[in-house]
PDB file of N, CA and C in Angstrom:
ATOM      1  N   UNK A   1     -16.437  -1.141  14.778  1.00  0.00           N
ATOM      2  CA  UNK A   1     -14.737  -0.941  14.243  1.00  0.00           C
ATOM      3  C   UNK A   1     -14.348   0.181  15.291  1.00  0.00           C
ATOM      4  N   UNK A   2     -13.376  -0.050  15.147  1.00  0.00           N
ATOM      5  CA  UNK A   2     -11.859   0.597  15.577  1.00  0.00           C
ATOM      6  C   UNK A   2     -11.673   1.994  14.796  1.00  0.00           C
ATOM      7  N   UNK A   3     -11.355   2.999  15.667  1.00  0.00           N
ATOM      8  CA  UNK A   3     -11.194   4.338  14.770  1.00  0.00           C
ATOM      9  C   UNK A   3      -9.706   4.341  14.353  1.00  0.00           C
ATOM     10  N   UNK A   4      -9.345   4.042  13.320  1.00  0.00           N
ATOM     11  CA  UNK A   4      -8.153   4.699  13.001  1.00  0.00           C
ATOM     12  C   UNK A   4      -6.728   5.103  13.764  1.00  0.00           C
ATOM     13  N   UNK A   5      -7.783   6.104  13.509  1.00  0.00           N
ATOM     14  CA  UNK A   5      -7.079   7.457  14.666  1.00  0.00           C
ATOM     15  C   UNK A   5      -6.423   7.130  15.426  1.00  0.00           C
ATOM     16  N   UNK A   6      -7.058   6.026  16.279  1.00  0.00           N
ATOM     17  CA  UNK A   6      -6.518   6.096  17.815  1.00  0.00           C
ATOM     18  C   UNK A   6      -5.083   5.431  17.674  1.00  0.00           C
ATOM     19  N   UNK A   7      -4.713   4.708  16.619  1.00  0.00           N
ATOM     20  CA  UNK A   7      -4.323   3.552  16.349  1.00  0.00           C
ATOM     21  C   UNK A   7      -2.741   3.702  15.470  1.00  0.00           C
ATOM     22  N   UNK A   8      -3.062   4.584  14.440  1.00  0.00           N
ATOM     23  CA  UNK A   8      -2.058   5.005  13.697  1.00  0.00           C
ATOM     24  C   UNK A   8      -1.909   6.358  13.548  1.00  0.00           C
ATOM     25  N   UNK A   9      -0.889   7.111  13.341  1.00  0.00           N
ATOM     26  CA  UNK A   9      -0.363   8.343  13.710  1.00  0.00           C
ATOM     27  C   UNK A   9      -0.338   9.570  12.636  1.00  0.00           C
ATOM     28  N   UNK A  10      -0.504   8.603  11.256  1.00  0.00           N
ATOM     29  CA  UNK A  10       0.599   9.114   9.967  1.00  0.00           C
ATOM     30  C   UNK A  10      -1.025   9.265   9.080  1.00  0.00           C
ATOM     31  N   UNK A  11      -2.285   9.476   9.508  1.00  0.00           N
ATOM     32  CA  UNK A  11      -3.312   9.169   8.234  1.00  0.00           C
ATOM     33  C   UNK A  11      -3.429  11.336   7.838  1.00  0.00           C
ATOM     34  N   UNK A  12      -2.688  11.890   8.649  1.00  0.00           N
ATOM     35  CA  UNK A  12      -2.755  13.489   8.191  1.00  0.00           C
ATOM     36  C   UNK A  12      -2.175  13.452   6.838  1.00  0.00           C
ATOM     37  N   UNK A  13      -0.713  12.288   6.744  1.00  0.00           N
ATOM     38  CA  UNK A  13       0.312  12.400   5.176  1.00  0.00           C
ATOM     39  C   UNK A  13      -0.143  11.816   3.976  1.00  0.00           C
ATOM     40  N   UNK A  14      -1.977  11.299   4.013  1.00  0.00           N
ATOM     41  CA  UNK A  14      -2.364  10.460   3.042  1.00  0.00           C
ATOM     42  C   UNK A  14      -2.761  11.504   2.244  1.00  0.00           C
ATOM     43  N   UNK A  15      -2.301  11.136   0.651  1.00  0.00           N
ATOM     44  CA  UNK A  15      -2.715  12.288  -0.385  1.00  0.00           C
ATOM     45  C   UNK A  15      -3.728  11.457  -1.390  1.00  0.00           C
ATOM     46  N   UNK A  16      -3.894  12.546  -1.921  1.00  0.00           N
ATOM     47  CA  UNK A  16      -5.226  12.017  -3.300  1.00  0.00           C
ATOM     48  C   UNK A  16      -4.041  11.510  -4.136  1.00  0.00           C
ATOM     49  N   UNK A  17      -3.868  10.350  -4.485  1.00  0.00           N
ATOM     50  CA  UNK A  17      -2.953   9.554  -5.335  1.00  0.00           C
ATOM     51  C   UNK A  17      -3.702   8.598  -6.567  1.00  0.00           C
ATOM     52  N   UNK A  18      -3.158   8.504  -7.294  1.00  0.00           N
ATOM     53  CA  UNK A  18      -3.317   7.260  -8.161  1.00  0.00           C
ATOM     54  C   UNK A  18      -2.560   6.086  -8.897  1.00  0.00           C
ATOM     55  N   UNK A  19      -2.773   4.963  -9.095  1.00  0.00           N
ATOM     56  CA  UNK A  19      -1.699   3.920  -8.802  1.00  0.00           C
ATOM     57  C   UNK A  19      -0.488   4.278 -10.013  1.00  0.00           C
ATOM     58  N   UNK A  20       0.682   3.925  -9.605  1.00  0.00           N
ATOM     59  CA  UNK A  20       1.974   4.258 -10.448  1.00  0.00           C
ATOM     60  C   UNK A  20       1.892   3.255 -11.651  1.00  0.00           C
ATOM     61  N   UNK A  21       1.201   1.980 -11.626  1.00  0.00           N
ATOM     62  CA  UNK A  21       1.491   0.785 -12.380  1.00  0.00           C
ATOM     63  C   UNK A  21      -0.113  -0.435 -12.050  1.00  0.00           C
ATOM     64  N   UNK A  22       0.022  -1.118 -12.830  1.00  0.00           N
ATOM     65  CA  UNK A  22      -1.359  -2.115 -12.821  1.00  0.00           C
ATOM     66  C   UNK A  22      -0.876  -3.376 -12.149  1.00  0.00           C
ATOM     67  N   UNK A  23       0.652  -3.122 -12.046  1.00  0.00           N
ATOM     68  CA  UNK A  23       1.389  -4.341 -11.219  1.00  0.00           C
ATOM     69  C   UNK A  23       2.197  -3.648 -10.544  1.00  0.00           C
ATOM     70  N   UNK A  24       2.748  -4.659  -9.723  1.00  0.00           N
ATOM     71  CA  UNK A  24       4.321  -4.085  -8.949  1.00  0.00           C
ATOM     72  C   UNK A  24       5.266  -3.237 -10.231  1.00  0.00           C
ATOM     73  N   UNK A  25       5.102  -1.820  -9.729  1.00  0.00           N
ATOM     74  CA  UNK A  25       6.110  -1.484 -10.756  1.00  0.00           C
ATOM     75  C   UNK A  25       7.939  -1.753 -11.062  1.00  0.00           C
ATOM     76  N   UNK A  26       8.180  -1.951  -9.605  1.00  0.00           N
ATOM     77  CA  UNK A  26       9.825  -2.999  -9.415  1.00  0.00           C
ATOM     78  C   UNK A  26       9.748  -3.760  -9.919  1.00  0.00           C
ATOM     79  N   UNK A  27       8.889  -5.090 -10.134  1.00  0.00           N
ATOM     80  CA  UNK A  27       8.836  -6.088 -10.626  1.00  0.00           C
ATOM     81  C   UNK A  27       8.376  -6.546 -12.432  1.00  0.00           C
ATOM     82  N   UNK A  28       7.713  -5.019 -12.345  1.00  0.00           N
ATOM     83  CA  UNK A  28       7.636  -5.071 -13.885  1.00  0.00           C
ATOM     84  C   UNK A  28       8.906  -4.531 -14.935  1.00  0.00           C
ATOM     85  N   UNK A  29       9.425  -3.643 -14.096  1.00  0.00           N
ATOM     86  CA  UNK A  29      11.250  -3.087 -14.571  1.00  0.00           C
ATOM     87  C   UNK A  29      12.199  -3.919 -14.396  1.00  0.00           C
ATOM     88  N   UNK A  30      12.275  -5.099 -13.581  1.00  0.00           N
ATOM     89  CA  UNK A  30      13.080  -6.000 -13.169  1.00  0.00           C
ATOM     90  C   UNK A  30      12.728  -7.492 -14.014  1.00  0.00           C
ATOM     91  N   UNK A  31      11.426  -7.739 -14.102  1.00  0.00           N
ATOM     92  CA  UNK A  31      10.740  -8.783 -15.247  1.00  0.00           C
ATOM     93  C   UNK A  31      10.950 -10.041 -13.854  1.00  0.00           C
ATOM     94  N   UNK A  32      10.208  -9.380 -12.483  1.00  0.00           N
ATOM     95  CA  UNK A  32       9.816 -10.330 -11.580  1.00  0.00           C
ATOM     96  C   UNK A  32       8.512 -10.565 -11.773  1.00  0.00           C
ATOM     97  N   UNK A  33       8.409 -11.217 -10.508  1.00  0.00           N
ATOM     98  CA  UNK A  33       6.945 -11.880 -10.547  1.00  0.00           C
ATOM     99  C   UNK A  33       6.301 -11.358  -8.698  1.00  0.00           C
ATOM    100  N   UNK A  34       5.103 -11.043  -8.794  1.00  0.00           N
ATOM    101  CA  UNK A  34       4.714 -10.640  -7.637  1.00  0.00           C
ATOM    102  C   UNK A  34       3.320 -11.374  -7.371  1.00  0.00           C
ATOM    103  N   UNK A  35       2.862 -11.651  -5.636  1.00  0.00           N
ATOM    104  CA  UNK A  35       1.728 -12.721  -5.100  1.00  0.00           C
ATOM    105  C   UNK A  35       0.496 -11.488  -5.025  1.00  0.00           C
ATOM    106  N   UNK A  36       0.888 -10.740  -4.606  1.00  0.00           N
ATOM    107  CA  UNK A  36      -0.238  -9.966  -3.805  1.00  0.00           C
ATOM    108  C   UNK A  36       0.247  -8.408  -4.048  1.00  0.00           C
ATOM    109  N   UNK A  37      -0.258  -6.988  -4.548  1.00  0.00           N
ATOM    110  CA  UNK A  37       0.227  -5.718  -4.539  1.00  0.00           C
ATOM    111  C   UNK A  37      -0.785  -4.911  -3.466  1.00  0.00           C
ATOM    112  N   UNK A  38       0.263  -3.409  -3.225  1.00  0.00           N
ATOM    113  CA  UNK A  38      -0.135  -2.710  -2.237  1.00  0.00           C
ATOM    114  C   UNK A  38      -0.047  -1.220  -2.788  1.00  0.00           C
ATOM    115  N   UNK A  39      -0.582  -0.503  -2.829  1.00  0.00           N
ATOM    116  CA  UNK A  39      -0.388   0.577  -3.097  1.00  0.00           C
ATOM    117  C   UNK A  39       0.107   1.722  -1.811  1.00  0.00           C
ATOM    118  N   UNK A  40       0.964   2.728  -2.117  1.00  0.00           N
ATOM    119  CA  UNK A  40       1.034   3.288  -1.241  1.00  0.00           C
ATOM    120  C   UNK A  40       0.486   4.598  -1.501  1.00  0.00           C
ATOM    121  N   UNK A  41      -0.444   5.277  -0.232  1.00  0.00           N
ATOM    122  CA  UNK A  41      -1.108   6.055  -0.005  1.00  0.00           C
ATOM    123  C   UNK A  41      -0.588   7.371   0.249  1.00  0.00           C
ATOM    124  N   UNK A  42       0.645   7.897  -0.315  1.00  0.00           N
ATOM    125  CA  UNK A  42       1.476   9.030  -0.295  1.00  0.00           C
ATOM    126  C   UNK A  42       1.569   9.154  -1.577  1.00  0.00           C
ATOM    127  N   UNK A  43       2.336   8.486  -2.006  1.00  0.00           N
ATOM    128  CA  UNK A  43       2.458   8.597  -3.512  1.00  0.00           C
ATOM    129  C   UNK A  43       2.205   7.856  -4.500  1.00  0.00           C
ATOM    130  N   UNK A  44       1.485   6.781  -4.286  1.00  0.00           N
ATOM    131  CA  UNK A  44       0.754   5.940  -5.460  1.00  0.00           C
ATOM    132  C   UNK A  44       1.567   5.158  -5.800  1.00  0.00           C
ATOM    133  N   UNK A  45       2.609   4.922  -5.412  1.00  0.00           N
ATOM    134  CA  UNK A  45       3.812   3.590  -5.972  1.00  0.00           C
ATOM    135  C   UNK A  45       2.774   1.975  -5.524  1.00  0.00           C
ATOM    136  N   UNK A  46       2.903   1.258  -6.548  1.00  0.00           N
ATOM    137  CA  UNK A  46       2.306   0.090  -6.132  1.00  0.00           C
ATOM    138  C   UNK A  46       3.542  -1.014  -5.717  1.00  0.00           C
ATOM    139  N   UNK A  47       3.584  -1.643  -5.064  1.00  0.00           N
ATOM    140  CA  UNK A  47       4.721  -2.330  -5.247  1.00  0.00           C
ATOM    141  C   UNK A  47       3.925  -3.999  -4.728  1.00  0.00           C
ATOM    142  N   UNK A  48       4.825  -5.059  -4.416  1.00  0.00           N
ATOM    143  CA  UNK A  48       4.602  -6.405  -4.210  1.00  0.00           C
ATOM    144  C   UNK A  48       4.599  -6.892  -2.627  1.00  0.00           C
ATOM    145  N   UNK A  49       3.761  -7.563  -2.337  1.00  0.00           N
ATOM    146  CA  UNK A  49       3.554  -7.715  -0.730  1.00  0.00           C
ATOM    147  C   UNK A  49       4.662  -8.869  -0.391  1.00  0.00           C
ATOM    148  N   UNK A  50       4.920  -8.907   0.710  1.00  0.00           N
ATOM    149  CA  UNK A  50       6.162  -9.643   1.647  1.00  0.00           C
ATOM    150  C   UNK A  50       5.959 -11.057   1.419  1.00  0.00           C
ATOM    151  N   UNK A  51       4.743 -11.389   0.934  1.00  0.00           N
ATOM    152  CA  UNK A  51       4.876 -12.966   0.148  1.00  0.00           C
ATOM    153  C   UNK A  51       5.285 -12.962  -0.928  1.00  0.00           C
ATOM    154  N   UNK A  52       5.724 -12.294  -1.897  1.00  0.00           N
ATOM    155  CA  UNK A  52       6.270 -12.237  -2.952  1.00  0.00           C
ATOM    156  C   UNK A  52       7.939 -11.948  -3.035  1.00  0.00           C
ATOM    157  N   UNK A  53       8.531 -12.299  -3.911  1.00  0.00           N
ATOM    158  CA  UNK A  53      10.080 -12.224  -4.138  1.00  0.00           C
ATOM    159  C   UNK A  53      10.738 -10.976  -3.745  1.00  0.00           C
ATOM    160  N   UNK A  54      10.110 -10.080  -4.404  1.00  0.00           N
ATOM    161  CA  UNK A  54      10.730  -8.788  -4.054  1.00  0.00           C
ATOM    162  C   UNK A  54      10.643  -8.027  -2.964  1.00  0.00           C
ATOM    163  N   UNK A  55       9.156  -8.306  -2.471  1.00  0.00           N
ATOM    164  CA  UNK A  55       8.919  -7.458  -1.121  1.00  0.00           C
ATOM    165  C   UNK A  55       8.897  -5.706  -1.552  1.00  0.00           C
ATOM    166  N   UNK A  56       8.484  -5.381  -2.727  1.00  0.00           N
ATOM    167  CA  UNK A  56       9.073  -3.957  -3.092  1.00  0.00           C
ATOM    168  C   UNK A  56       7.749  -3.179  -2.634  1.00  0.00           C
ATOM    169  N   UNK A  57       6.746  -3.564  -1.750  1.00  0.00           N
ATOM    170  CA  UNK A  57       6.307  -2.325  -1.038  1.00  0.00           C
ATOM    171  C   UNK A  57       7.072  -2.173  -0.059  1.00  0.00           C
ATOM    172  N   UNK A  58       7.359  -2.887   0.868  1.00  0.00           N
ATOM    173  CA  UNK A  58       8.235  -2.609   2.293  1.00  0.00           C
ATOM    174  C   UNK A  58       9.336  -2.314   1.502  1.00  0.00           C
ATOM    175  N   UNK A  59       9.810  -2.720   1.078  1.00  0.00           N
ATOM    176  CA  UNK A  59      11.565  -1.632   0.496  1.00  0.00           C
ATOM    177  C   UNK A  59      10.903  -0.394   0.024  1.00  0.00           C
ATOM    178  N   UNK A  60       9.668   0.067  -0.826  1.00  0.00           N
ATOM    179  CA  UNK A  60       9.066   1.442  -1.081  1.00  0.00           C
ATOM    180  C   UNK A  60       9.439   2.395   0.649  1.00  0.00           C
ATOM    181  N   UNK A  61       8.456   1.552   1.258  1.00  0.00           N
ATOM    182  CA  UNK A  61       8.708   2.103   2.737  1.00  0.00           C
ATOM    183  C   UNK A  61       9.488   2.454   3.319  1.00  0.00           C
ATOM    184  N   UNK A  62      10.900   1.289   3.139  1.00  0.00           N
ATOM    185  CA  UNK A  62      12.090   1.246   3.597  1.00  0.00           C
ATOM    186  C   UNK A  62      12.820   2.579   2.979  1.00  0.00           C
ATOM    187  N   UNK A  63      12.623   2.513   1.818  1.00  0.00           N
ATOM    188  CA  UNK A  63      13.184   4.080   0.833  1.00  0.00           C
ATOM    189  C   UNK A  63      12.729   5.498   1.531  1.00  0.00           C
ATOM    190  N   UNK A  64      11.627   5.328   1.393  1.00  0.00           N
ATOM    191  CA  UNK A  64      11.226   6.776   1.258  1.00  0.00           C
ATOM    192  C   UNK A  64      10.155   7.257   2.855  1.00  0.00           C
ATOM    193  N   UNK A  65      10.331   6.069   3.435  1.00  0.00           N
ATOM    194  CA  UNK A  65       9.647   6.252   4.686  1.00  0.00           C
ATOM    195  C   UNK A  65       8.129   6.732   4.883  1.00  0.00           C
ATOM    196  N   UNK A  66       7.479   6.592   3.724  1.00  0.00           N
ATOM    197  CA  UNK A  66       6.076   6.852   3.412  1.00  0.00           C
ATOM    198  C   UNK A  66       5.094   5.559   4.181  1.00  0.00           C
ATOM    199  N   UNK A  67       4.479   5.486   5.017  1.00  0.00           N
ATOM    200  CA  UNK A  67       4.095   4.798   6.267  1.00  0.00           C
ATOM    201  C   UNK A  67       2.770   4.223   5.627  1.00  0.00           C
ATOM    202  N   UNK A  68       2.080   4.589   5.110  1.00  0.00           N
ATOM    203  CA  UNK A  68       0.630   3.760   4.680  1.00  0.00           C
ATOM    204  C   UNK A  68       0.529   3.080   3.608  1.00  0.00           C
ATOM    205  N   UNK A  69      -0.156   1.756   3.374  1.00  0.00           N
ATOM    206  CA  UNK A  69      -0.700   1.243   2.034  1.00  0.00           C
ATOM    207  C   UNK A  69      -1.872   0.926   2.307  1.00  0.00           C
ATOM    208  N   UNK A  70      -2.338   0.846   1.112  1.00  0.00           N
ATOM    209  CA  UNK A  70      -3.617   0.056   0.854  1.00  0.00           C
ATOM    210  C   UNK A  70      -3.573  -1.278  -0.019  1.00  0.00           C
ATOM    211  N   UNK A  71      -4.221  -2.093   0.215  1.00  0.00           N
ATOM    212  CA  UNK A  71      -4.011  -3.181  -0.527  1.00  0.00           C
ATOM    213  C   UNK A  71      -4.990  -2.861  -1.812  1.00  0.00           C
ATOM    214  N   UNK A  72      -4.199  -3.800  -2.813  1.00  0.00           N
ATOM    215  CA  UNK A  72      -4.385  -2.746  -4.002  1.00  0.00           C
ATOM    216  C   UNK A  72      -5.029  -4.428  -5.066  1.00  0.00           C
ATOM    217  N   UNK A  73      -5.882  -5.242  -4.022  1.00  0.00           N
ATOM    218  CA  UNK A  73      -6.195  -6.432  -4.549  1.00  0.00           C
ATOM    219  C   UNK A  73      -7.655  -6.152  -5.047  1.00  0.00           C
ATOM    220  N   UNK A  74      -8.117  -6.708  -6.084  1.00  0.00           N
ATOM    221  CA  UNK A  74     -10.131  -6.558  -5.819  1.00  0.00           C
ATOM    222  C   UNK A  74     -10.882  -7.102  -4.585  1.00  0.00           C
ATOM    223  N   UNK A  75     -11.527  -6.517  -4.564  1.00  0.00           N
ATOM    224  CA  UNK A  75     -12.237  -6.930  -2.955  1.00  0.00           C
ATOM    225  C   UNK A  75     -11.731  -6.589  -1.398  1.00  0.00           C
ATOM    226  N   UNK A  76     -10.449  -6.564  -1.522  1.00  0.00           N
ATOM    227  CA  UNK A  76      -9.632  -5.729  -0.115  1.00  0.00           C
ATOM    228  C   UNK A  76     -10.187  -4.432   0.175  1.00  0.00           C
ATOM    229  N   UNK A  77     -10.435  -4.101   0.833  1.00  0.00           N
ATOM    230  CA  UNK A  77     -10.218  -2.549   0.919  1.00  0.00           C
ATOM    231  C   UNK A  77      -9.372  -2.229   2.894  1.00  0.00           C
ATOM    232  N   UNK A  78      -8.515  -3.043   3.185  1.00  0.00           N
ATOM    233  CA  UNK A  78      -8.122  -2.847   4.248  1.00  0.00           C
ATOM    234  C   UNK A  78      -6.420  -1.872   3.721  1.00  0.00           C
ATOM    235  N   UNK A  79      -5.860  -1.436   4.731  1.00  0.00           N
ATOM    236  CA  UNK A  79      -4.884  -0.372   4.925  1.00  0.00           C
ATOM    237  C   UNK A  79      -3.674  -0.893   5.887  1.00  0.00           C
ATOM    238  N   UNK A  80      -2.404  -0.769   5.736  1.00  0.00           N
ATOM    239  CA  UNK A  80      -1.572  -0.956   6.812  1.00  0.00           C
ATOM    240  C   UNK A  80      -0.988   0.274   7.552  1.00  0.00           C
ATOM    241  N   UNK A  81      -0.180   0.436   8.235  1.00  0.00           N
ATOM    242  CA  UNK A  81       0.709   1.555   8.831  1.00  0.00           C
ATOM    243  C   UNK A  81       2.176   0.639   9.263  1.00  0.00           C
ATOM    244  N   UNK A  82       2.932   0.916   8.229  1.00  0.00           N
ATOM    245  CA  UNK A  82       4.087   0.048   8.626  1.00  0.00           C
ATOM    246  C   UNK A  82       4.509   0.843   9.785  1.00  0.00           C
ATOM    247  N   UNK A  83       4.994   1.862   9.854  1.00  0.00           N
ATOM    248  CA  UNK A  83       5.350   2.959  11.616  1.00  0.00           C
ATOM    249  C   UNK A  83       4.231   2.158  12.797  1.00  0.00           C
ATOM    250  N   UNK A  84       3.158   2.597  12.796  1.00  0.00           N
ATOM    251  CA  UNK A  84       2.755   1.725  13.811  1.00  0.00           C
ATOM    252  C   UNK A  84       1.957   0.249  13.791  1.00  0.00           C
ATOM    253  N   UNK A  85       2.017  -0.441  12.958  1.00  0.00           N
ATOM    254  CA  UNK A  85       1.897  -1.615  12.536  1.00  0.00           C
ATOM    255  C   UNK A  85       0.285  -2.325  13.456  1.00  0.00           C
ATOM    256  N   UNK A  86      -0.055  -1.601  12.095  1.00  0.00           N
ATOM    257  CA  UNK A  86      -1.725  -1.659  12.499  1.00  0.00           C
ATOM    258  C   UNK A  86      -2.239  -1.568  11.276  1.00  0.00           C
ATOM    259  N   UNK A  87      -3.280  -2.622  11.025  1.00  0.00           N
ATOM    260  CA  UNK A  87      -4.242  -2.761  10.200  1.00  0.00           C
ATOM    261  C   UNK A  87      -5.448  -2.260  10.266  1.00  0.00           C
ATOM    262  N   UNK A  88      -6.002  -1.631   9.105  1.00  0.00           N
ATOM    263  CA  UNK A  88      -7.562  -0.884   9.393  1.00  0.00           C
ATOM    264  C   UNK A  88      -8.199  -0.452   8.242  1.00  0.00           C
ATOM    265  N   UNK A  89      -9.395  -0.255   8.452  1.00  0.00           N
ATOM    266  CA  UNK A  89     -10.076  -0.318   7.257  1.00  0.00           C
ATOM    267  C   UNK A  89     -10.357   1.574   7.308  1.00  0.00           C
ATOM    268  N   UNK A  90     -10.700   2.521   6.299  1.00  0.00           N
ATOM    269  CA  UNK A  90     -11.160   3.998   5.859  1.00  0.00           C
ATOM    270  C   UNK A  90     -12.411   3.989   5.390  1.00  0.00           C
ATOM    271  N   UNK A  91     -13.568   4.203   6.626  1.00  0.00           N
ATOM    272  CA  UNK A  91     -14.471   4.576   5.723  1.00  0.00           C
ATOM    273  C   UNK A  91     -14.504   5.683   4.580  1.00  0.00           C
ATOM    274  N   UNK A  92     -14.995   5.568   3.572  1.00  0.00           N
ATOM    275  CA  UNK A  92     -15.468   6.322   2.501  1.00  0.00           C
ATOM    276  C   UNK A  92     -14.201   7.066   1.501  1.00  0.00           C
ATOM    277  N   UNK A  93     -13.305   6.041   1.529  1.00  0.00           N
ATOM    278  CA  UNK A  93     -12.157   6.835   0.683  1.00  0.00           C
ATOM    279  C   UNK A  93     -12.278   5.457  -0.267  1.00  0.00           C
ATOM    280  N   UNK A  94     -11.647   5.681  -1.613  1.00  0.00           N
ATOM    281  CA  UNK A  94     -11.645   5.077  -2.788  1.00  0.00           C
ATOM    282  C   UNK A  94     -11.386   3.665  -3.095  1.00  0.00           C
ATOM    283  N   UNK A  95     -11.607   2.595  -3.430  1.00  0.00           N
ATOM    284  CA  UNK A  95     -11.241   1.140  -3.296  1.00  0.00           C
ATOM    285  C   UNK A  95     -10.294   1.200  -4.569  1.00  0.00           C
ATOM    286  N   UNK A  96      -9.043   0.789  -4.543  1.00  0.00           N
ATOM    287  CA  UNK A  96      -8.023   0.789  -5.519  1.00  0.00           C
ATOM    288  C   UNK A  96      -8.387  -0.798  -6.036  1.00  0.00           C
ATOM    289  N   UNK A  97      -7.501  -0.815  -6.930  1.00  0.00           N
ATOM    290  CA  UNK A  97      -7.460  -2.266  -7.787  1.00  0.00           C
ATOM    291  C   UNK A  97      -6.790  -2.602  -8.878  1.00  0.00           C
ATOM    292  N   UNK A  98      -6.096  -3.505  -9.128  1.00  0.00           N
ATOM    293  CA  UNK A  98      -5.278  -3.588 -10.476  1.00  0.00           C
ATOM    294  C   UNK A  98      -6.789  -4.645 -11.489  1.00  0.00           C
ATOM    295  N   UNK A  99      -6.352  -4.363 -12.656  1.00  0.00           N
ATOM    296  CA  UNK A  99      -7.388  -4.961 -13.694  1.00  0.00           C
ATOM    297  C   UNK A  99      -6.406  -6.832 -13.524  1.00  0.00           C
TER     298      UNK A  99
END
């Protein structure tokens, strides 16, 4: 496995977070629908993926500059860095998922 620190230079920004919602918080507020969920590893914002109509996870990155998300889907442990455009897994961290 590739060491994420070789390709992502934002891991020092990760915070201990809790999910902001059990679904895309923006879709829930607006009455929208999502396909898959992503959680910001800087603040815990839960947003929908780019296959969803709202693209709220990417919108959160655009508005906040928070570069790192983790999949919020059951059985998925991957992370994505928007700035470095790099997908990876981090060993030893909690795997978050919606119910």
